[in-house]
């Protein structure tokens, strides 16, 4: 009997496949997404989380604040990330990775 146990797909598999197939994104975008993924809450993959610009820039190896904001605004415009800036020095900005399921965007019926 050939019984194979299939592992369930990780919640972010389709998300990363979309990013990998999107020709508009450059390595800096991918680095920023990796930094956001690193800082998100694993227990709540569809929820909001906070992260500081300096930590995201350090992790993604982005050196210029202008490049960081350009990449982030393009990720928001392309529908990969929700972003609410914060000027609180300790709290960080609020983010949510937009992960599509078969029924649409997570959190919607």
N, C-alpha and C. Protein backbone atom coordinates (compact mmCIF):
# COMPACT_ATOMS: atom_id res chain seq x y z
N UNK A 1 0.83 -1.18 0.00
CA UNK A 1 0.00 0.00 0.00
C UNK A 1 0.88 1.25 0.00
N UNK A 2 0.66 2.10 -0.94
CA UNK A 2 1.47 3.31 -1.06
C UNK A 2 0.72 4.50 -0.46
N UNK A 3 0.86 4.64 0.84
CA UNK A 3 0.20 5.77 1.51
C UNK A 3 1.22 6.84 1.80
N UNK A 4 1.02 7.98 1.21
CA UNK A 4 1.89 9.12 1.47
C UNK A 4 1.12 10.13 2.28
N UNK A 5 1.77 10.64 3.26
CA UNK A 5 1.16 11.67 4.06
C UNK A 5 1.53 13.02 3.47
N UNK A 6 0.54 13.75 3.04
CA UNK A 6 0.82 15.07 2.47
C UNK A 6 0.86 16.11 3.58
N UNK A 7 1.91 16.88 3.56
CA UNK A 7 2.03 17.95 4.53
C UNK A 7 1.14 19.11 4.09
N UNK A 8 0.46 19.75 5.03
CA UNK A 8 -0.37 20.90 4.64
C UNK A 8 0.51 22.04 4.16
N UNK A 9 0.00 22.77 3.19
CA UNK A 9 0.75 23.92 2.66
C UNK A 9 0.83 25.00 3.73
N UNK A 10 1.96 25.60 3.83
CA UNK A 10 2.15 26.70 4.76
C UNK A 10 1.24 27.85 4.36
N UNK A 11 0.76 28.59 5.32
CA UNK A 11 -0.16 29.70 5.04
C UNK A 11 0.42 30.71 4.07
N UNK A 12 1.72 30.82 4.02
CA UNK A 12 2.34 31.84 3.18
C UNK A 12 2.81 31.32 1.83
N UNK A 13 2.60 30.05 1.53
CA UNK A 13 3.10 29.48 0.27
C UNK A 13 2.57 30.24 -0.95
N UNK A 14 1.26 30.41 -1.01
CA UNK A 14 0.66 31.12 -2.16
C UNK A 14 1.11 32.58 -2.19
N UNK A 15 1.27 33.19 -1.02
CA UNK A 15 1.72 34.57 -0.93
C UNK A 15 3.10 34.71 -1.56
N UNK A 16 4.03 33.82 -1.20
CA UNK A 16 5.38 33.89 -1.74
C UNK A 16 5.43 33.49 -3.21
N UNK A 17 4.55 32.61 -3.64
CA UNK A 17 4.48 32.28 -5.06
C UNK A 17 4.04 33.51 -5.87
N UNK A 18 3.04 34.25 -5.36
CA UNK A 18 2.61 35.48 -6.04
C UNK A 18 3.75 36.48 -6.14
N UNK A 19 4.49 36.65 -5.06
CA UNK A 19 5.60 37.60 -5.05
C UNK A 19 6.68 37.16 -6.04
N UNK A 20 6.98 35.86 -6.04
CA UNK A 20 8.01 35.34 -6.94
C UNK A 20 7.65 35.48 -8.41
N UNK A 21 6.35 35.42 -8.70
CA UNK A 21 5.89 35.52 -10.09
C UNK A 21 5.67 36.94 -10.57
N UNK A 22 5.73 37.91 -9.66
CA UNK A 22 5.45 39.30 -10.00
C UNK A 22 6.71 39.97 -10.53
N UNK A 23 6.73 40.23 -11.82
CA UNK A 23 7.90 40.83 -12.47
C UNK A 23 8.16 42.27 -12.09
N UNK A 24 7.21 42.92 -11.43
CA UNK A 24 7.40 44.32 -11.01
C UNK A 24 8.30 44.44 -9.79
N UNK A 25 8.47 43.34 -9.05
CA UNK A 25 9.21 43.40 -7.80
C UNK A 25 10.69 43.13 -8.01
N UNK A 26 11.50 43.92 -7.34
CA UNK A 26 12.95 43.81 -7.40
C UNK A 26 13.48 43.12 -6.14
N UNK A 27 14.75 42.79 -6.10
CA UNK A 27 15.31 42.17 -4.89
C UNK A 27 15.09 42.99 -3.62
N UNK A 28 15.05 44.30 -3.73
CA UNK A 28 14.80 45.12 -2.54
C UNK A 28 13.40 44.89 -1.99
N UNK A 29 12.42 44.71 -2.89
CA UNK A 29 11.06 44.40 -2.45
C UNK A 29 11.03 43.05 -1.73
N UNK A 30 11.71 42.06 -2.31
CA UNK A 30 11.74 40.72 -1.73
C UNK A 30 12.41 40.76 -0.35
N UNK A 31 13.48 41.53 -0.24
CA UNK A 31 14.15 41.68 1.05
C UNK A 31 13.25 42.31 2.09
N UNK A 32 12.48 43.31 1.68
CA UNK A 32 11.56 43.97 2.61
C UNK A 32 10.44 43.01 3.02
N UNK A 33 9.93 42.23 2.08
CA UNK A 33 8.90 41.24 2.42
C UNK A 33 9.47 40.21 3.40
N UNK A 34 10.71 39.79 3.18
CA UNK A 34 11.34 38.84 4.10
C UNK A 34 11.46 39.44 5.50
N UNK A 35 11.81 40.72 5.57
CA UNK A 35 11.91 41.40 6.86
C UNK A 35 10.54 41.49 7.53
N UNK A 36 9.52 41.81 6.76
CA UNK A 36 8.16 41.87 7.32
C UNK A 36 7.73 40.49 7.81
N UNK A 37 8.00 39.47 7.02
CA UNK A 37 7.66 38.11 7.40
C UNK A 37 8.37 37.72 8.70
N UNK A 38 9.63 38.10 8.82
CA UNK A 38 10.42 37.81 10.02
C UNK A 38 9.82 38.47 11.26
N UNK A 39 9.24 39.65 11.10
CA UNK A 39 8.71 40.41 12.24
C UNK A 39 7.23 40.17 12.51
N UNK A 40 6.54 39.43 11.64
CA UNK A 40 5.11 39.23 11.87
C UNK A 40 4.88 38.23 13.00
N UNK A 41 3.65 38.19 13.49
CA UNK A 41 3.27 37.30 14.58
C UNK A 41 2.89 35.94 14.01
N UNK A 42 3.71 34.93 14.25
CA UNK A 42 3.47 33.59 13.70
C UNK A 42 2.15 32.99 14.20
N UNK A 43 1.73 33.36 15.40
CA UNK A 43 0.49 32.83 15.94
C UNK A 43 -0.74 33.43 15.31
N UNK A 44 -0.58 34.54 14.62
CA UNK A 44 -1.70 35.22 13.98
C UNK A 44 -1.24 35.72 12.61
N UNK A 45 -1.08 34.81 11.63
CA UNK A 45 -0.49 35.21 10.35
C UNK A 45 -1.32 36.20 9.54
N UNK A 46 -2.60 36.34 9.85
CA UNK A 46 -3.46 37.23 9.07
C UNK A 46 -3.75 38.54 9.80
N UNK A 47 -3.13 38.73 10.95
CA UNK A 47 -3.39 39.91 11.76
C UNK A 47 -2.34 40.99 11.57
N UNK A 48 -2.55 42.07 12.30
CA UNK A 48 -1.63 43.21 12.25
C UNK A 48 -0.46 42.96 13.20
N UNK A 49 0.66 43.57 12.89
CA UNK A 49 1.83 43.53 13.76
C UNK A 49 2.57 44.84 13.62
N UNK A 50 3.45 45.12 14.56
CA UNK A 50 4.22 46.35 14.56
C UNK A 50 5.70 46.05 14.31
N UNK A 51 6.34 46.94 13.58
CA UNK A 51 7.77 46.82 13.31
C UNK A 51 8.33 48.21 13.04
N UNK A 52 9.57 48.42 13.44
CA UNK A 52 10.20 49.72 13.21
C UNK A 52 10.92 49.76 11.87
N UNK A 53 10.96 50.93 11.30
CA UNK A 53 11.65 51.12 10.02
C UNK A 53 13.11 50.71 10.14
N UNK A 54 13.78 51.09 11.21
CA UNK A 54 15.21 50.78 11.34
C UNK A 54 15.45 49.27 11.37
N UNK A 55 14.62 48.52 12.06
CA UNK A 55 14.79 47.06 12.09
C UNK A 55 14.50 46.42 10.73
N UNK A 56 13.45 46.92 10.07
CA UNK A 56 13.13 46.38 8.75
C UNK A 56 14.23 46.70 7.75
N UNK A 57 14.76 47.91 7.81
CA UNK A 57 15.84 48.28 6.90
C UNK A 57 17.09 47.45 7.17
N UNK A 58 17.42 47.24 8.43
CA UNK A 58 18.60 46.46 8.77
C UNK A 58 18.46 45.02 8.27
N UNK A 59 17.30 44.41 8.51
CA UNK A 59 17.08 43.02 8.11
C UNK A 59 17.08 42.87 6.59
N UNK A 60 16.45 43.82 5.89
CA UNK A 60 16.33 43.73 4.43
C UNK A 60 17.55 44.27 3.68
N UNK A 61 18.51 44.81 4.42
CA UNK A 61 19.74 45.37 3.84
C UNK A 61 19.47 46.59 2.95
N UNK A 62 18.40 47.30 3.25
CA UNK A 62 18.11 48.55 2.54
C UNK A 62 18.80 49.67 3.30
N UNK A 63 19.62 50.44 2.62
CA UNK A 63 20.40 51.49 3.29
C UNK A 63 19.75 52.88 3.22
N UNK A 64 18.93 53.09 2.23
CA UNK A 64 18.35 54.42 2.00
C UNK A 64 16.90 54.47 2.48
N UNK A 65 16.57 55.51 3.24
CA UNK A 65 15.19 55.69 3.70
C UNK A 65 14.27 55.89 2.49
N UNK A 66 14.75 56.59 1.47
CA UNK A 66 13.94 56.80 0.26
C UNK A 66 13.62 55.47 -0.42
N UNK A 67 14.61 54.59 -0.52
CA UNK A 67 14.38 53.27 -1.13
C UNK A 67 13.40 52.45 -0.30
N UNK A 68 13.55 52.51 1.02
CA UNK A 68 12.63 51.79 1.91
C UNK A 68 11.19 52.24 1.66
N UNK A 69 10.98 53.56 1.65
CA UNK A 69 9.62 54.08 1.46
C UNK A 69 9.09 53.80 0.05
N UNK A 70 9.96 53.83 -0.95
CA UNK A 70 9.54 53.52 -2.31
C UNK A 70 9.10 52.06 -2.40
N UNK A 71 9.90 51.15 -1.88
CA UNK A 71 9.55 49.72 -1.92
C UNK A 71 8.28 49.45 -1.13
N UNK A 72 8.18 50.04 0.04
CA UNK A 72 7.00 49.82 0.87
C UNK A 72 5.74 50.34 0.19
N UNK A 73 5.81 51.54 -0.38
CA UNK A 73 4.63 52.09 -1.05
C UNK A 73 4.24 51.26 -2.27
N UNK A 74 5.22 50.70 -2.97
CA UNK A 74 4.90 49.83 -4.11
C UNK A 74 4.29 48.50 -3.65
N UNK A 75 4.77 47.94 -2.54
CA UNK A 75 4.16 46.72 -2.00
C UNK A 75 2.71 46.97 -1.58
N UNK A 76 2.45 48.15 -1.03
CA UNK A 76 1.07 48.53 -0.66
C UNK A 76 0.23 48.70 -1.92
N UNK A 77 0.76 49.40 -2.91
CA UNK A 77 0.02 49.65 -4.16
C UNK A 77 -0.28 48.36 -4.92
N UNK A 78 0.62 47.38 -4.83
CA UNK A 78 0.42 46.11 -5.53
C UNK A 78 -0.43 45.12 -4.73
N UNK A 79 -0.83 45.51 -3.53
CA UNK A 79 -1.73 44.67 -2.74
C UNK A 79 -1.09 43.57 -1.93
N UNK A 80 0.16 43.72 -1.56
CA UNK A 80 0.84 42.71 -0.76
C UNK A 80 0.85 43.04 0.73
N UNK A 81 0.76 44.33 1.07
CA UNK A 81 0.91 44.76 2.45
C UNK A 81 -0.07 45.88 2.76
N UNK A 82 -0.61 45.86 3.97
CA UNK A 82 -1.31 47.03 4.51
C UNK A 82 -0.35 47.70 5.48
N UNK A 83 -0.38 49.02 5.50
CA UNK A 83 0.62 49.78 6.26
C UNK A 83 -0.02 51.01 6.87
N UNK A 84 0.22 51.20 8.15
CA UNK A 84 -0.19 52.43 8.81
C UNK A 84 1.04 52.98 9.55
N UNK A 85 1.55 54.13 9.12
CA UNK A 85 2.77 54.66 9.74
C UNK A 85 2.53 55.09 11.19
N UNK A 86 3.59 55.05 11.96
CA UNK A 86 3.56 55.51 13.34
C UNK A 86 4.78 56.39 13.57
N UNK A 87 4.58 57.44 14.29
CA UNK A 87 5.71 58.30 14.61
C UNK A 87 6.15 58.10 16.05
N UNK A 88 5.62 57.06 16.68
CA UNK A 88 6.01 56.73 18.04
C UNK A 88 7.36 56.01 17.98
N UNK A 89 8.37 56.51 18.67
CA UNK A 89 9.72 55.95 18.52
C UNK A 89 9.87 54.50 18.98
N UNK A 90 9.04 54.05 19.91
CA UNK A 90 9.20 52.69 20.42
C UNK A 90 8.20 51.70 19.83
N UNK A 91 7.05 52.18 19.38
CA UNK A 91 6.00 51.27 18.95
C UNK A 91 6.21 50.71 17.55
N UNK A 92 6.63 51.50 16.62
CA UNK A 92 6.80 51.05 15.24
C UNK A 92 5.50 51.18 14.46
N UNK A 93 5.60 51.08 13.16
CA UNK A 93 4.44 51.18 12.28
C UNK A 93 3.65 49.88 12.31
N UNK A 94 2.40 49.96 11.87
CA UNK A 94 1.52 48.79 11.86
C UNK A 94 1.45 48.22 10.45
N UNK A 95 1.59 46.91 10.35
CA UNK A 95 1.59 46.21 9.06
C UNK A 95 0.65 45.02 9.11
N UNK A 96 0.23 44.60 7.94
CA UNK A 96 -0.47 43.32 7.78
C UNK A 96 -0.13 42.80 6.39
N UNK A 97 0.31 41.55 6.33
CA UNK A 97 0.56 40.90 5.05
C UNK A 97 -0.78 40.46 4.49
N UNK A 98 -1.06 40.79 3.24
CA UNK A 98 -2.33 40.45 2.61
C UNK A 98 -2.16 39.11 1.91
N UNK A 99 -2.79 38.11 2.49
CA UNK A 99 -2.67 36.75 1.99
C UNK A 99 -4.00 36.37 1.38
N UNK A 100 -3.99 36.02 0.10
CA UNK A 100 -5.22 35.65 -0.59
C UNK A 100 -5.50 34.17 -0.40
N UNK A 101 -6.76 33.87 -0.14
CA UNK A 101 -7.23 32.49 -0.12
C UNK A 101 -8.13 32.30 -1.31
N UNK A 102 -8.71 31.12 -1.45
CA UNK A 102 -9.60 30.85 -2.57
C UNK A 102 -10.79 31.80 -2.57
N UNK A 103 -11.27 32.20 -1.39
CA UNK A 103 -12.44 33.05 -1.30
C UNK A 103 -12.15 34.53 -1.34
N UNK A 104 -10.92 34.94 -1.52
CA UNK A 104 -10.60 36.35 -1.57
C UNK A 104 -9.52 36.68 -0.56
N UNK A 105 -9.59 37.87 -0.02
CA UNK A 105 -8.60 38.33 0.94
C UNK A 105 -9.01 37.84 2.31
N UNK A 106 -8.02 37.38 3.09
CA UNK A 106 -8.30 36.90 4.44
C UNK A 106 -9.01 37.97 5.23
N UNK A 107 -9.90 37.53 6.09
CA UNK A 107 -10.64 38.45 6.92
C UNK A 107 -11.95 38.87 6.28
N UNK A 108 -12.13 38.56 5.01
CA UNK A 108 -13.39 38.87 4.32
C UNK A 108 -14.13 37.58 4.07
N UNK A 109 -15.43 37.61 4.23
CA UNK A 109 -16.32 36.47 4.08
C UNK A 109 -15.95 35.49 3.11
